[in-house]
C-alpha atoms as a PDB file:
ATOM      1  CA  UNK A   1    -263.710  74.584 159.160  1.00  0.00           C
ATOM      2  CA  UNK A   2    -260.374  76.176 161.469  1.00  0.00           C
ATOM      3  CA  UNK A   3    -257.531  77.285 159.263  1.00  0.00           C
ATOM      4  CA  UNK A   4    -254.318  76.052 161.006  1.00  0.00           C
ATOM      5  CA  UNK A   5    -250.801  77.823 160.222  1.00  0.00           C
ATOM      6  CA  UNK A   6    -247.546  76.229 160.603  1.00  0.00           C
ATOM      7  CA  UNK A   7    -243.691  76.647 159.100  1.00  0.00           C
ATOM      8  CA  UNK A   8    -243.501  74.632 156.475  1.00  0.00           C
ATOM      9  CA  UNK A   9    -241.514  71.598 155.808  1.00  0.00           C
ATOM     10  CA  UNK A  10    -240.017  69.706 152.829  1.00  0.00           C
ATOM     11  CA  UNK A  11    -242.775  67.301 152.952  1.00  0.00           C
ATOM     12  CA  UNK A  12    -245.158  70.200 151.823  1.00  0.00           C
ATOM     13  CA  UNK A  13    -242.747  71.596 148.233  1.00  0.00           C
ATOM     14  CA  UNK A  14    -245.151  69.398 146.041  1.00  0.00           C
ATOM     15  CA  UNK A  15    -248.176  70.831 147.637  1.00  0.00           C
ATOM     16  CA  UNK A  16    -246.980  74.483 147.950  1.00  0.00           C
ATOM     17  CA  UNK A  17    -245.764  74.319 144.154  1.00  0.00           C
ATOM     18  CA  UNK A  18    -249.350  73.743 142.847  1.00  0.00           C
ATOM     19  CA  UNK A  19    -251.237  75.849 145.139  1.00  0.00           C
ATOM     20  CA  UNK A  20    -248.539  78.563 143.809  1.00  0.00           C
ATOM     21  CA  UNK A  21    -248.443  77.275 139.999  1.00  0.00           C
ATOM     22  CA  UNK A  22    -252.413  76.975 140.554  1.00  0.00           C
ATOM     23  CA  UNK A  23    -252.909  80.448 141.868  1.00  0.00           C
ATOM     24  CA  UNK A  24    -250.506  82.076 138.538  1.00  0.00           C
ATOM     25  CA  UNK A  25    -252.382  80.171 136.209  1.00  0.00           C
ATOM     26  CA  UNK A  26    -255.797  81.182 137.644  1.00  0.00           C
ATOM     27  CA  UNK A  27    -255.613  84.771 139.149  1.00  0.00           C
ATOM     28  CA  UNK A  28    -251.954  86.141 138.711  1.00  0.00           C
ATOM     29  CA  UNK A  29    -252.992  85.196 134.618  1.00  0.00           C
ATOM     30  CA  UNK A  30    -255.329  88.345 134.845  1.00  0.00           C
ATOM     31  CA  UNK A  31    -252.332  90.912 134.418  1.00  0.00           C
ATOM     32  CA  UNK A  32    -249.788  89.192 133.614  1.00  0.00           C
ATOM     33  CA  UNK A  33    -249.020  87.202 130.296  1.00  0.00           C
ATOM     34  CA  UNK A  34    -248.978  83.841 129.612  1.00  0.00           C
ATOM     35  CA  UNK A  35    -244.878  83.818 128.744  1.00  0.00           C
ATOM     36  CA  UNK A  36    -244.172  85.840 131.932  1.00  0.00           C
ATOM     37  CA  UNK A  37    -246.429  83.385 134.012  1.00  0.00           C
ATOM     38  CA  UNK A  38    -244.854  80.245 132.687  1.00  0.00           C
ATOM     39  CA  UNK A  39    -241.282  81.828 133.225  1.00  0.00           C
ATOM     40  CA  UNK A  40    -242.320  82.111 136.944  1.00  0.00           C
ATOM     41  CA  UNK A  41    -243.286  79.009 137.189  1.00  0.00           C
ATOM     42  CA  UNK A  42    -240.220  77.436 136.555  1.00  0.00           C
ATOM     43  CA  UNK A  43    -239.274  79.483 139.967  1.00  0.00           C
ATOM     44  CA  UNK A  44    -241.539  77.582 141.742  1.00  0.00           C
ATOM     45  CA  UNK A  45    -241.291  73.762 140.939  1.00  0.00           C
ATOM     46  CA  UNK A  46    -241.502  71.447 144.211  1.00  0.00           C
ATOM     47  CA  UNK A  47    -237.521  71.636 143.690  1.00  0.00           C
ATOM     48  CA  UNK A  48    -237.118  75.192 144.174  1.00  0.00           C
ATOM     49  CA  UNK A  49    -238.857  75.454 146.740  1.00  0.00           C
ATOM     50  CA  UNK A  50    -236.900  72.919 148.570  1.00  0.00           C
ATOM     51  CA  UNK A  51    -234.187  75.442 148.012  1.00  0.00           C
ATOM     52  CA  UNK A  52    -236.524  78.098 149.113  1.00  0.00           C
ATOM     53  CA  UNK A  53    -236.993  76.328 152.442  1.00  0.00           C
ATOM     54  CA  UNK A  54    -233.418  76.609 152.988  1.00  0.00           C
ATOM     55  CA  UNK A  55    -233.112  80.077 152.831  1.00  0.00           C
ATOM     56  CA  UNK A  56    -236.827  81.683 153.929  1.00  0.00           C
ATOM     57  CA  UNK A  57    -239.067  81.032 156.834  1.00  0.00           C
ATOM     58  CA  UNK A  58    -241.960  79.248 155.181  1.00  0.00           C
ATOM     59  CA  UNK A  59    -245.366  78.859 156.196  1.00  0.00           C
ATOM     60  CA  UNK A  60    -248.713  77.606 155.058  1.00  0.00           C
ATOM     61  CA  UNK A  61    -252.052  77.150 155.869  1.00  0.00           C
ATOM     62  CA  UNK A  62    -254.009  74.284 155.955  1.00  0.00           C
ATOM     63  CA  UNK A  63    -258.029  74.129 156.053  1.00  0.00           C
ATOM     64  CA  UNK A  64    -259.186  70.542 156.695  1.00  0.00           C
ATOM     65  CA  UNK A  65    -255.209  69.571 156.113  1.00  0.00           C
ATOM     66  CA  UNK A  66    -255.618  70.383 152.877  1.00  0.00           C
ATOM     67  CA  UNK A  67    -252.489  72.922 152.146  1.00  0.00           C
ATOM     68  CA  UNK A  68    -254.556  76.291 150.345  1.00  0.00           C
ATOM     69  CA  UNK A  69    -251.586  78.613 150.970  1.00  0.00           C
ATOM     70  CA  UNK A  70    -247.997  79.753 151.766  1.00  0.00           C
ATOM     71  CA  UNK A  71    -246.279  82.904 152.381  1.00  0.00           C
ATOM     72  CA  UNK A  72    -242.331  83.446 153.380  1.00  0.00           C
ATOM     73  CA  UNK A  73    -240.281  85.922 155.406  1.00  0.00           C
ATOM     74  CA  UNK A  74    -236.820  86.703 154.228  1.00  0.00           C
ATOM     75  CA  UNK A  75    -235.271  89.024 156.633  1.00  0.00           C
ATOM     76  CA  UNK A  76    -237.336  91.948 156.195  1.00  0.00           C
ATOM     77  CA  UNK A  77    -239.237  91.026 152.985  1.00  0.00           C
ATOM     78  CA  UNK A  78    -242.227  89.081 152.489  1.00  0.00           C
ATOM     79  CA  UNK A  79    -241.968  86.724 149.547  1.00  0.00           C
ATOM     80  CA  UNK A  80    -244.275  84.072 147.566  1.00  0.00           C
ATOM     81  CA  UNK A  81    -247.108  84.936 148.988  1.00  0.00           C
ATOM     82  CA  UNK A  82    -250.070  82.596 147.343  1.00  0.00           C
ATOM     83  CA  UNK A  83    -253.351  81.748 147.887  1.00  0.00           C
ATOM     84  CA  UNK A  84    -255.390  79.129 146.155  1.00  0.00           C
ATOM     85  CA  UNK A  85    -257.857  80.558 143.912  1.00  0.00           C
ATOM     86  CA  UNK A  86    -260.628  78.720 145.607  1.00  0.00           C
ATOM     87  CA  UNK A  87    -260.054  80.225 148.630  1.00  0.00           C
ATOM     88  CA  UNK A  88    -259.133  83.965 147.855  1.00  0.00           C
ATOM     89  CA  UNK A  89    -260.647  86.415 150.027  1.00  0.00           C
ATOM     90  CA  UNK A  90    -262.271  84.376 153.120  1.00  0.00           C
ATOM     91  CA  UNK A  91    -259.324  85.915 155.091  1.00  0.00           C
ATOM     92  CA  UNK A  92    -256.252  83.411 154.649  1.00  0.00           C
ATOM     93  CA  UNK A  93    -253.888  85.488 153.198  1.00  0.00           C
ATOM     94  CA  UNK A  94    -254.165  88.053 155.727  1.00  0.00           C
ATOM     95  CA  UNK A  95    -253.676  85.275 158.468  1.00  0.00           C
ATOM     96  CA  UNK A  96    -250.601  84.106 157.065  1.00  0.00           C
ATOM     97  CA  UNK A  97    -249.711  88.182 157.064  1.00  0.00           C
ATOM     98  CA  UNK A  98    -250.471  88.518 160.293  1.00  0.00           C
ATOM     99  CA  UNK A  99    -248.377  85.663 161.561  1.00  0.00           C
ATOM    100  CA  UNK A 100    -245.368  86.159 159.046  1.00  0.00           C
ATOM    101  CA  UNK A 101    -245.691  90.273 160.869  1.00  0.00           C
ATOM    102  CA  UNK A 102    -245.513  88.377 164.506  1.00  0.00           C
ATOM    103  CA  UNK A 103    -242.096  86.179 163.219  1.00  0.00           C
ATOM    104  CA  UNK A 104    -240.407  89.634 161.822  1.00  0.00           C
ATOM    105  CA  UNK A 105    -241.777  91.384 165.354  1.00  0.00           C
ATOM    106  CA  UNK A 106    -240.157  88.626 167.251  1.00  0.00           C
ATOM    107  CA  UNK A 107    -236.563  89.069 165.332  1.00  0.00           C
ATOM    108  CA  UNK A 108    -236.611  92.439 165.775  1.00  0.00           C
ATOM    109  CA  UNK A 109    -238.004  93.591 162.428  1.00  0.00           C
ATOM    110  CA  UNK A 110    -239.076  97.324 162.534  1.00  0.00           C
ATOM    111  CA  UNK A 111    -240.064  98.034 158.471  1.00  0.00           C
ATOM    112  CA  UNK A 112    -241.722  94.735 156.225  1.00  0.00           C
ATOM    113  CA  UNK A 113    -241.512  95.070 152.522  1.00  0.00           C
ATOM    114  CA  UNK A 114    -243.247  93.503 149.332  1.00  0.00           C
ATOM    115  CA  UNK A 115    -242.193  93.180 146.316  1.00  0.00           C
ATOM    116  CA  UNK A 116    -245.919  92.909 145.075  1.00  0.00           C
ATOM    117  CA  UNK A 117    -247.079  91.550 141.445  1.00  0.00           C
ATOM    118  CA  UNK A 118    -249.885  93.952 140.050  1.00  0.00           C
ATOM    119  CA  UNK A 119    -252.955  91.689 140.713  1.00  0.00           C
ATOM    120  CA  UNK A 120    -251.559  92.046 144.867  1.00  0.00           C
ATOM    121  CA  UNK A 121    -251.330  95.364 144.863  1.00  0.00           C
ATOM    122  CA  UNK A 122    -254.923  96.206 146.500  1.00  0.00           C
ATOM    123  CA  UNK A 123    -254.454  93.208 149.117  1.00  0.00           C
ATOM    124  CA  UNK A 124    -251.679  95.133 150.303  1.00  0.00           C
ATOM    125  CA  UNK A 125    -252.408  97.969 150.374  1.00  0.00           C
ATOM    126  CA  UNK A 126    -256.261  96.965 152.372  1.00  0.00           C
ATOM    127  CA  UNK A 127    -253.516  95.431 154.983  1.00  0.00           C
ATOM    128  CA  UNK A 128    -252.060  98.894 155.480  1.00  0.00           C
ATOM    129  CA  UNK A 129    -248.823  98.124 153.187  1.00  0.00           C
ATOM    130  CA  UNK A 130    -247.909 101.503 150.835  1.00  0.00           C
ATOM    131  CA  UNK A 131    -246.709 101.570 147.864  1.00  0.00           C
ATOM    132  CA  UNK A 132    -242.839 103.025 147.942  1.00  0.00           C
ATOM    133  CA  UNK A 133    -242.006 102.619 144.127  1.00  0.00           C
ATOM    134  CA  UNK A 134    -242.071 100.506 140.730  1.00  0.00           C
ATOM    135  CA  UNK A 135    -239.633  97.732 139.318  1.00  0.00           C
ATOM    136  CA  UNK A 136    -239.660  96.419 136.246  1.00  0.00           C
ATOM    137  CA  UNK A 137    -237.738  92.817 136.592  1.00  0.00           C
ATOM    138  CA  UNK A 138    -237.562  91.848 132.858  1.00  0.00           C
ATOM    139  CA  UNK A 139    -241.281  92.138 131.586  1.00  0.00           C
ATOM    140  CA  UNK A 140    -242.690  92.104 134.900  1.00  0.00           C
ATOM    141  CA  UNK A 141    -243.095  95.038 136.621  1.00  0.00           C
ATOM    142  CA  UNK A 142    -243.244  94.619 140.621  1.00  0.00           C
ATOM    143  CA  UNK A 143    -244.508  97.503 143.099  1.00  0.00           C
ATOM    144  CA  UNK A 144    -242.688  97.860 146.256  1.00  0.00           C
ATOM    145  CA  UNK A 145    -244.528  98.625 149.213  1.00  0.00           C
ATOM    146  CA  UNK A 146    -243.573  98.604 152.727  1.00  0.00           C
ATOM    147  CA  UNK A 147    -245.068  99.038 156.193  1.00  0.00           C
ATOM    148  CA  UNK A 148    -244.466  99.674 159.996  1.00  0.00           C
ATOM    149  CA  UNK A 149    -244.136  96.376 162.027  1.00  0.00           C
ATOM    150  CA  UNK A 150    -246.796  96.559 164.485  1.00  0.00           C
ATOM    151  CA  UNK A 151    -245.662  96.820 168.195  1.00  0.00           C
END
């Protein structure tokens, strides 16, 4: 089944929200409390996704015309990289990041940063991102990672 990556549209907001919430509940819940997951979910309602579409370059990945992943770029920062649990580990996330790296390169960026969850730290490390520091946002531990944009 071919993977299709494209810019997100407002019509994708509900599906993006569903993928993010599913990923939070089934994947990130292994590393974060239920209360924190519920709090983070509030940042990714369909209405909030619509607002993010105005602020960031948001991409979606589709398999057989079903939205299965999303990721975004805001300046030189990767944000909201989420892959549906059923397709994690299949290369979808890697393909989305390559597409975002291309957008960053076209925009003249030379360094990408990502505020990684504990859950995704290994994923980013395998793609060449290096840990710069850890920060706490409330009870959420964020691992700030970066990598040079490949030329």
